[in-house]
Amino acid sequence: MYSRQNCDLPQGRCAELAFRLAVYESGHALVARALGLKIHALRMLPRPPVLLSDKAFRGRDWGSFGEMLEIRIMELFGGQIAEEIACGSNTCCSGDIARIDELTRLLAGLGDSRDPEDIWFDLEERSRNIFDNAPYCAAIVTVAEFLHARVRNGEEIIDGPTIEGFLDQHLPARVKVGRFRRMMGLGSRKSRPGEAAK
């Protein structure tokens, strides 16, 4: 289902797996930032790398749960889109494909009127829109170089304030949680399990 998958072998700096993983995590961090999420930490080692961001429910309803799932899917897409843009490949994301598939099916099962494939392509497009924003696209390699240097210096976990401080130097201030999410159409479907979205 991933519409622009590229199987070419990465070249240059991206031929090094550690740098490609840094690019991939850069994408996760940039999507989290664009969606107004607070980054708690990023673990680069041991693999697989994991970004921990604040995906807390905004309410106690199915709409909030659906919004949280949409945000998680977009964060997952961010890694592969960043790797595709910076490296011309998306070799680090095989596990994300299965997670995205599972989460889109869960969203459809919760009463979203779209089928899982439509949810997939909709959220992929919203994720791509983040990187159509020039500062976010330009920051992919810059953030990756920062993360890569930290790992080479022996850091396994990079704390959230350190990452946020670096992002503050290269991107506009983190938006308030709801503003960008509303612009992206997140959490707009308030249906409950068994009900079609209106």
C-alpha atoms as a PDB file:
ATOM      1  CA  MET A   1       0.000   0.000   0.000  1.00  0.00           C
ATOM      2  CA  TYR A   2       2.894   2.451   0.508  1.00  0.00           C
ATOM      3  CA  SER A   3       2.479   4.500  -2.631  1.00  0.00           C
ATOM      4  CA  ARG A   4       6.035   5.677  -3.272  1.00  0.00           C
ATOM      5  CA  GLN A   5       8.111   2.770  -2.045  1.00  0.00           C
ATOM      6  CA  ASN A   6      11.594   2.716  -3.484  1.00  0.00           C
ATOM      7  CA  CYS A   7      13.787  -0.366  -3.324  1.00  0.00           C
ATOM      8  CA  ASP A   8      17.017   1.282  -4.515  1.00  0.00           C
ATOM      9  CA  LEU A   9      20.023   0.745  -2.271  1.00  0.00           C
ATOM     10  CA  PRO A  10      20.913   3.893  -0.323  1.00  0.00           C
ATOM     11  CA  GLN A  11      24.004   5.817  -1.404  1.00  0.00           C
ATOM     12  CA  GLY A  12      26.470   8.182   0.308  1.00  0.00           C
ATOM     13  CA  ARG A  13      25.972   8.767   4.043  1.00  0.00           C
ATOM     14  CA  CYS A  14      22.695   6.878   3.886  1.00  0.00           C
ATOM     15  CA  ALA A  15      24.588   3.689   3.025  1.00  0.00           C
ATOM     16  CA  GLU A  16      25.490   3.584   6.745  1.00  0.00           C
ATOM     17  CA  LEU A  17      22.630   1.965   8.668  1.00  0.00           C
ATOM     18  CA  ALA A  18      23.228   4.065  11.795  1.00  0.00           C
ATOM     19  CA  PHE A  19      22.785   7.288   9.822  1.00  0.00           C
ATOM     20  CA  ARG A  20      19.689   5.945   8.038  1.00  0.00           C
ATOM     21  CA  LEU A  21      18.170   5.083  11.418  1.00  0.00           C
ATOM     22  CA  ALA A  22      18.920   8.627  12.575  1.00  0.00           C
ATOM     23  CA  VAL A  23      17.126   9.978   9.481  1.00  0.00           C
ATOM     24  CA  TYR A  24      14.203   7.683  10.203  1.00  0.00           C
ATOM     25  CA  GLU A  25      13.951   8.836  13.831  1.00  0.00           C
ATOM     26  CA  SER A  26      14.350  12.419  12.673  1.00  0.00           C
ATOM     27  CA  GLY A  27      11.130  11.929  10.696  1.00  0.00           C
ATOM     28  CA  HIS A  28       9.299  10.637  13.762  1.00  0.00           C
ATOM     29  CA  ALA A  29      10.506  13.601  15.830  1.00  0.00           C
ATOM     30  CA  LEU A  30       9.555  16.141  13.166  1.00  0.00           C
ATOM     31  CA  VAL A  31       6.016  14.795  12.827  1.00  0.00           C
ATOM     32  CA  ALA A  32       5.645  14.790  16.612  1.00  0.00           C
ATOM     33  CA  ARG A  33       6.785  18.423  16.634  1.00  0.00           C
ATOM     34  CA  ALA A  34       4.417  19.403  13.818  1.00  0.00           C
ATOM     35  CA  LEU A  35       1.484  17.849  15.676  1.00  0.00           C
ATOM     36  CA  GLY A  36       2.336  19.782  18.835  1.00  0.00           C
ATOM     37  CA  LEU A  37       3.423  16.730  20.820  1.00  0.00           C
ATOM     38  CA  LYS A  38       5.962  17.013  23.609  1.00  0.00           C
ATOM     39  CA  ILE A  39       8.920  14.678  23.049  1.00  0.00           C
ATOM     40  CA  HIS A  40       9.881  12.771  26.203  1.00  0.00           C
ATOM     41  CA  ALA A  41      12.901  10.829  24.911  1.00  0.00           C
ATOM     42  CA  LEU A  42      14.396   9.073  21.942  1.00  0.00           C
ATOM     43  CA  ARG A  43      16.142   5.748  22.363  1.00  0.00           C
ATOM     44  CA  MET A  44      18.541   4.979  19.538  1.00  0.00           C
ATOM     45  CA  LEU A  45      20.201   1.902  21.046  1.00  0.00           C
ATOM     46  CA  PRO A  46      19.621  -0.946  21.455  1.00  0.00           C
ATOM     47  CA  ARG A  47      17.710  -1.234  18.232  1.00  0.00           C
ATOM     48  CA  PRO A  48      14.958  -0.749  17.225  1.00  0.00           C
ATOM     49  CA  PRO A  49      14.994   2.983  17.928  1.00  0.00           C
ATOM     50  CA  VAL A  50      11.917   4.368  19.687  1.00  0.00           C
ATOM     51  CA  LEU A  51      10.564   7.916  20.013  1.00  0.00           C
ATOM     52  CA  LEU A  52       8.490   8.555  23.124  1.00  0.00           C
ATOM     53  CA  SER A  53       6.104  11.476  22.688  1.00  0.00           C
ATOM     54  CA  ASP A  54       3.084  12.697  24.592  1.00  0.00           C
ATOM     55  CA  LYS A  55       0.114  11.047  22.914  1.00  0.00           C
ATOM     56  CA  ALA A  56      -2.251  11.408  25.869  1.00  0.00           C
ATOM     57  CA  PHE A  57      -6.010  11.422  25.302  1.00  0.00           C
ATOM     58  CA  ARG A  58      -7.530  14.894  25.100  1.00  0.00           C
ATOM     59  CA  GLY A  59     -10.922  13.587  26.236  1.00  0.00           C
ATOM     60  CA  ARG A  60     -12.674  10.467  27.424  1.00  0.00           C
ATOM     61  CA  ASP A  61     -14.453   9.516  24.228  1.00  0.00           C
ATOM     62  CA  TRP A  62     -13.948   7.440  21.117  1.00  0.00           C
ATOM     63  CA  GLY A  63     -13.035  10.549  19.124  1.00  0.00           C
ATOM     64  CA  SER A  64     -10.025  11.155  21.400  1.00  0.00           C
ATOM     65  CA  PHE A  65      -8.986   7.525  21.086  1.00  0.00           C
ATOM     66  CA  GLY A  66      -9.304   7.710  17.291  1.00  0.00           C
ATOM     67  CA  GLU A  67      -7.273  10.927  17.235  1.00  0.00           C
ATOM     68  CA  MET A  68      -4.511   9.264  19.255  1.00  0.00           C
ATOM     69  CA  LEU A  69      -4.414   6.359  16.770  1.00  0.00           C
ATOM     70  CA  GLU A  70      -4.267   8.790  13.828  1.00  0.00           C
ATOM     71  CA  ILE A  71      -1.377  10.643  15.480  1.00  0.00           C
ATOM     72  CA  ARG A  72       0.520   7.386  16.050  1.00  0.00           C
ATOM     73  CA  ILE A  73       0.033   6.388  12.411  1.00  0.00           C
ATOM     74  CA  MET A  74       1.284   9.776  11.199  1.00  0.00           C
ATOM     75  CA  GLU A  75       4.324   9.516  13.460  1.00  0.00           C
ATOM     76  CA  LEU A  76       5.080   6.101  11.951  1.00  0.00           C
ATOM     77  CA  PHE A  77       4.710   7.479   8.429  1.00  0.00           C
ATOM     78  CA  GLY A  78       7.124  10.293   9.322  1.00  0.00           C
ATOM     79  CA  GLY A  79      10.066   7.926   9.608  1.00  0.00           C
ATOM     80  CA  GLN A  80       9.653   6.356   6.206  1.00  0.00           C
ATOM     81  CA  ILE A  81       8.846   9.656   4.475  1.00  0.00           C
ATOM     82  CA  ALA A  82      11.959  11.295   5.957  1.00  0.00           C
ATOM     83  CA  GLU A  83      14.120   8.369   4.875  1.00  0.00           C
ATOM     84  CA  GLU A  84      12.630   8.471   1.396  1.00  0.00           C
ATOM     85  CA  ILE A  85      13.283  12.231   1.079  1.00  0.00           C
ATOM     86  CA  ALA A  86      16.821  12.222   2.515  1.00  0.00           C
ATOM     87  CA  CYS A  87      18.063   8.817   1.368  1.00  0.00           C
ATOM     88  CA  GLY A  88      15.940   7.893  -1.630  1.00  0.00           C
ATOM     89  CA  SER A  89      14.878   4.656   0.078  1.00  0.00           C
ATOM     90  CA  ASN A  90      12.799   3.438   2.984  1.00  0.00           C
ATOM     91  CA  THR A  91      14.678   0.420   4.271  1.00  0.00           C
ATOM     92  CA  CYS A  92      14.250   1.043   8.018  1.00  0.00           C
ATOM     93  CA  CYS A  93      10.477   0.932   8.213  1.00  0.00           C
ATOM     94  CA  SER A  94       9.437  -2.679   7.593  1.00  0.00           C
ATOM     95  CA  GLY A  95       8.021  -3.034  11.112  1.00  0.00           C
ATOM     96  CA  ASP A  96       6.125   0.235  10.752  1.00  0.00           C
ATOM     97  CA  ILE A  97       4.212  -1.067   7.732  1.00  0.00           C
ATOM     98  CA  ALA A  98       2.678  -3.855   9.825  1.00  0.00           C
ATOM     99  CA  ARG A  99       1.855  -1.428  12.661  1.00  0.00           C
ATOM    100  CA  ILE A 100       0.250   1.088  10.289  1.00  0.00           C
ATOM    101  CA  ASP A 101      -1.838  -1.689   8.752  1.00  0.00           C
ATOM    102  CA  GLU A 102      -2.958  -2.882  12.182  1.00  0.00           C
ATOM    103  CA  LEU A 103      -3.823   0.626  13.402  1.00  0.00           C
ATOM    104  CA  THR A 104      -5.747   1.591  10.245  1.00  0.00           C
ATOM    105  CA  ARG A 105      -7.803  -1.600  10.594  1.00  0.00           C
ATOM    106  CA  LEU A 106      -8.442  -0.765  14.241  1.00  0.00           C
ATOM    107  CA  LEU A 107      -9.628   2.737  13.298  1.00  0.00           C
ATOM    108  CA  ALA A 108     -11.969   1.300  10.654  1.00  0.00           C
ATOM    109  CA  GLY A 109     -13.265  -1.199  13.214  1.00  0.00           C
ATOM    110  CA  LEU A 110     -14.013   1.607  15.676  1.00  0.00           C
ATOM    111  CA  GLY A 111     -16.684   2.960  13.370  1.00  0.00           C
ATOM    112  CA  ASP A 112     -14.771   5.103  10.866  1.00  0.00           C
ATOM    113  CA  SER A 113     -16.853   5.032   7.674  1.00  0.00           C
ATOM    114  CA  ARG A 114     -13.744   4.636   5.507  1.00  0.00           C
ATOM    115  CA  ASP A 115     -12.076   1.330   4.808  1.00  0.00           C
ATOM    116  CA  PRO A 116      -8.537   0.721   6.164  1.00  0.00           C
ATOM    117  CA  GLU A 117      -6.881   1.470   2.822  1.00  0.00           C
ATOM    118  CA  ASP A 118      -8.596   4.870   2.578  1.00  0.00           C
ATOM    119  CA  ILE A 119      -7.531   5.693   6.143  1.00  0.00           C
ATOM    120  CA  TRP A 120      -3.970   4.601   5.243  1.00  0.00           C
ATOM    121  CA  PHE A 121      -3.720   6.873   2.206  1.00  0.00           C
ATOM    122  CA  ASP A 122      -5.414   9.802   3.939  1.00  0.00           C
ATOM    123  CA  LEU A 123      -3.005   9.755   6.889  1.00  0.00           C
ATOM    124  CA  GLU A 124      -0.021   9.160   4.623  1.00  0.00           C
ATOM    125  CA  GLU A 125      -0.980  12.255   2.640  1.00  0.00           C
ATOM    126  CA  ARG A 126      -1.404  14.329   5.810  1.00  0.00           C
ATOM    127  CA  SER A 127       2.041  13.177   6.942  1.00  0.00           C
ATOM    128  CA  ARG A 128       3.558  14.133   3.585  1.00  0.00           C
ATOM    129  CA  ASN A 129       1.981  17.577   3.922  1.00  0.00           C
ATOM    130  CA  ILE A 130       4.130  18.179   7.002  1.00  0.00           C
ATOM    131  CA  PHE A 131       7.283  17.676   4.924  1.00  0.00           C
ATOM    132  CA  ASP A 132       5.926  19.902   2.152  1.00  0.00           C
ATOM    133  CA  ASN A 133       6.530  22.652   4.715  1.00  0.00           C
ATOM    134  CA  ALA A 134      10.077  23.800   3.803  1.00  0.00           C
ATOM    135  CA  PRO A 135      11.476  24.154   7.362  1.00  0.00           C
ATOM    136  CA  TYR A 136      10.418  20.587   8.226  1.00  0.00           C
ATOM    137  CA  CYS A 137      11.826  19.125   5.017  1.00  0.00           C
ATOM    138  CA  ALA A 138      15.098  21.037   5.445  1.00  0.00           C
ATOM    139  CA  ALA A 139      15.390  19.878   9.067  1.00  0.00           C
ATOM    140  CA  ILE A 140      15.384  16.138   8.265  1.00  0.00           C
ATOM    141  CA  VAL A 141      19.132  15.829   7.684  1.00  0.00           C
ATOM    142  CA  THR A 142      20.034  18.456  10.301  1.00  0.00           C
ATOM    143  CA  VAL A 143      18.129  16.591  13.023  1.00  0.00           C
ATOM    144  CA  ALA A 144      19.509  13.259  11.774  1.00  0.00           C
ATOM    145  CA  GLU A 145      23.087  14.558  12.010  1.00  0.00           C
ATOM    146  CA  PHE A 146      22.382  15.717  15.574  1.00  0.00           C
ATOM    147  CA  LEU A 147      20.978  12.302  16.567  1.00  0.00           C
ATOM    148  CA  HIS A 148      23.749  10.415  14.761  1.00  0.00           C
ATOM    149  CA  ALA A 149      26.463  12.441  16.515  1.00  0.00           C
ATOM    150  CA  ARG A 150      24.855  11.713  19.905  1.00  0.00           C
ATOM    151  CA  VAL A 151      24.810   7.973  19.202  1.00  0.00           C
ATOM    152  CA  ARG A 152      28.445   8.030  18.043  1.00  0.00           C
ATOM    153  CA  ASN A 153      29.300   9.715  21.352  1.00  0.00           C
ATOM    154  CA  GLY A 154      27.819   6.713  23.162  1.00  0.00           C
ATOM    155  CA  GLU A 155      24.386   8.050  24.110  1.00  0.00           C
ATOM    156  CA  GLU A 156      21.689   5.394  23.938  1.00  0.00           C
ATOM    157  CA  ILE A 157      18.841   7.644  25.095  1.00  0.00           C
ATOM    158  CA  ILE A 158      18.491  11.331  24.216  1.00  0.00           C
ATOM    159  CA  ASP A 159      16.165  13.133  26.614  1.00  0.00           C
ATOM    160  CA  GLY A 160      13.215  15.173  25.416  1.00  0.00           C
ATOM    161  CA  PRO A 161      14.402  18.618  26.550  1.00  0.00           C
ATOM    162  CA  THR A 162      17.657  18.118  24.611  1.00  0.00           C
ATOM    163  CA  ILE A 163      15.780  17.188  21.427  1.00  0.00           C
ATOM    164  CA  GLU A 164      13.200  19.947  21.916  1.00  0.00           C
ATOM    165  CA  GLY A 165      15.978  22.495  22.449  1.00  0.00           C
ATOM    166  CA  PHE A 166      17.639  21.441  19.197  1.00  0.00           C
ATOM    167  CA  LEU A 167      14.343  21.558  17.304  1.00  0.00           C
ATOM    168  CA  ASP A 168      13.716  25.045  18.707  1.00  0.00           C
ATOM    169  CA  GLN A 169      16.883  26.227  16.927  1.00  0.00           C
ATOM    170  CA  HIS A 170      15.715  24.989  13.515  1.00  0.00           C
ATOM    171  CA  LEU A 171      11.916  25.129  13.493  1.00  0.00           C
ATOM    172  CA  PRO A 172       9.125  27.472  14.516  1.00  0.00           C
ATOM    173  CA  ALA A 173       7.989  27.131  18.131  1.00  0.00           C
ATOM    174  CA  ARG A 174       5.971  24.036  18.967  1.00  0.00           C
ATOM    175  CA  VAL A 175       2.331  24.808  18.212  1.00  0.00           C
ATOM    176  CA  LYS A 176      -0.414  24.441  20.780  1.00  0.00           C
ATOM    177  CA  VAL A 177      -1.652  20.882  20.750  1.00  0.00           C
ATOM    178  CA  GLY A 178      -5.018  21.442  19.100  1.00  0.00           C
ATOM    179  CA  ARG A 179      -4.153  24.006  16.432  1.00  0.00           C
ATOM    180  CA  PHE A 180      -2.100  21.949  13.969  1.00  0.00           C
ATOM    181  CA  ARG A 181      -4.199  18.847  14.642  1.00  0.00           C
ATOM    182  CA  ARG A 182      -7.322  20.765  13.599  1.00  0.00           C
ATOM    183  CA  MET A 183      -5.524  21.999  10.480  1.00  0.00           C
ATOM    184  CA  MET A 184      -4.621  18.377   9.678  1.00  0.00           C
ATOM    185  CA  GLY A 185      -8.198  17.209  10.259  1.00  0.00           C
ATOM    186  CA  LEU A 186      -7.196  14.920  13.120  1.00  0.00           C
ATOM    187  CA  GLY A 187      -9.809  13.611  15.483  1.00  0.00           C
ATOM    188  CA  SER A 188     -12.647  15.008  13.392  1.00  0.00           C
ATOM    189  CA  ARG A 189     -14.510  11.707  13.347  1.00  0.00           C
ATOM    190  CA  LYS A 190     -16.366  11.328  16.631  1.00  0.00           C
ATOM    191  CA  SER A 191     -18.178   8.076  15.887  1.00  0.00           C
ATOM    192  CA  ARG A 192     -18.401   5.262  18.394  1.00  0.00           C
ATOM    193  CA  PRO A 193     -17.801   1.592  17.686  1.00  0.00           C
ATOM    194  CA  GLY A 194     -20.524   0.303  15.415  1.00  0.00           C
ATOM    195  CA  GLU A 195     -21.602   3.776  14.238  1.00  0.00           C
ATOM    196  CA  ALA A 196     -20.693   5.205  10.859  1.00  0.00           C
ATOM    197  CA  ALA A 197     -18.956   8.586  10.932  1.00  0.00           C
ATOM    198  CA  LYS A 198     -21.183  11.425   9.708  1.00  0.00           C
END
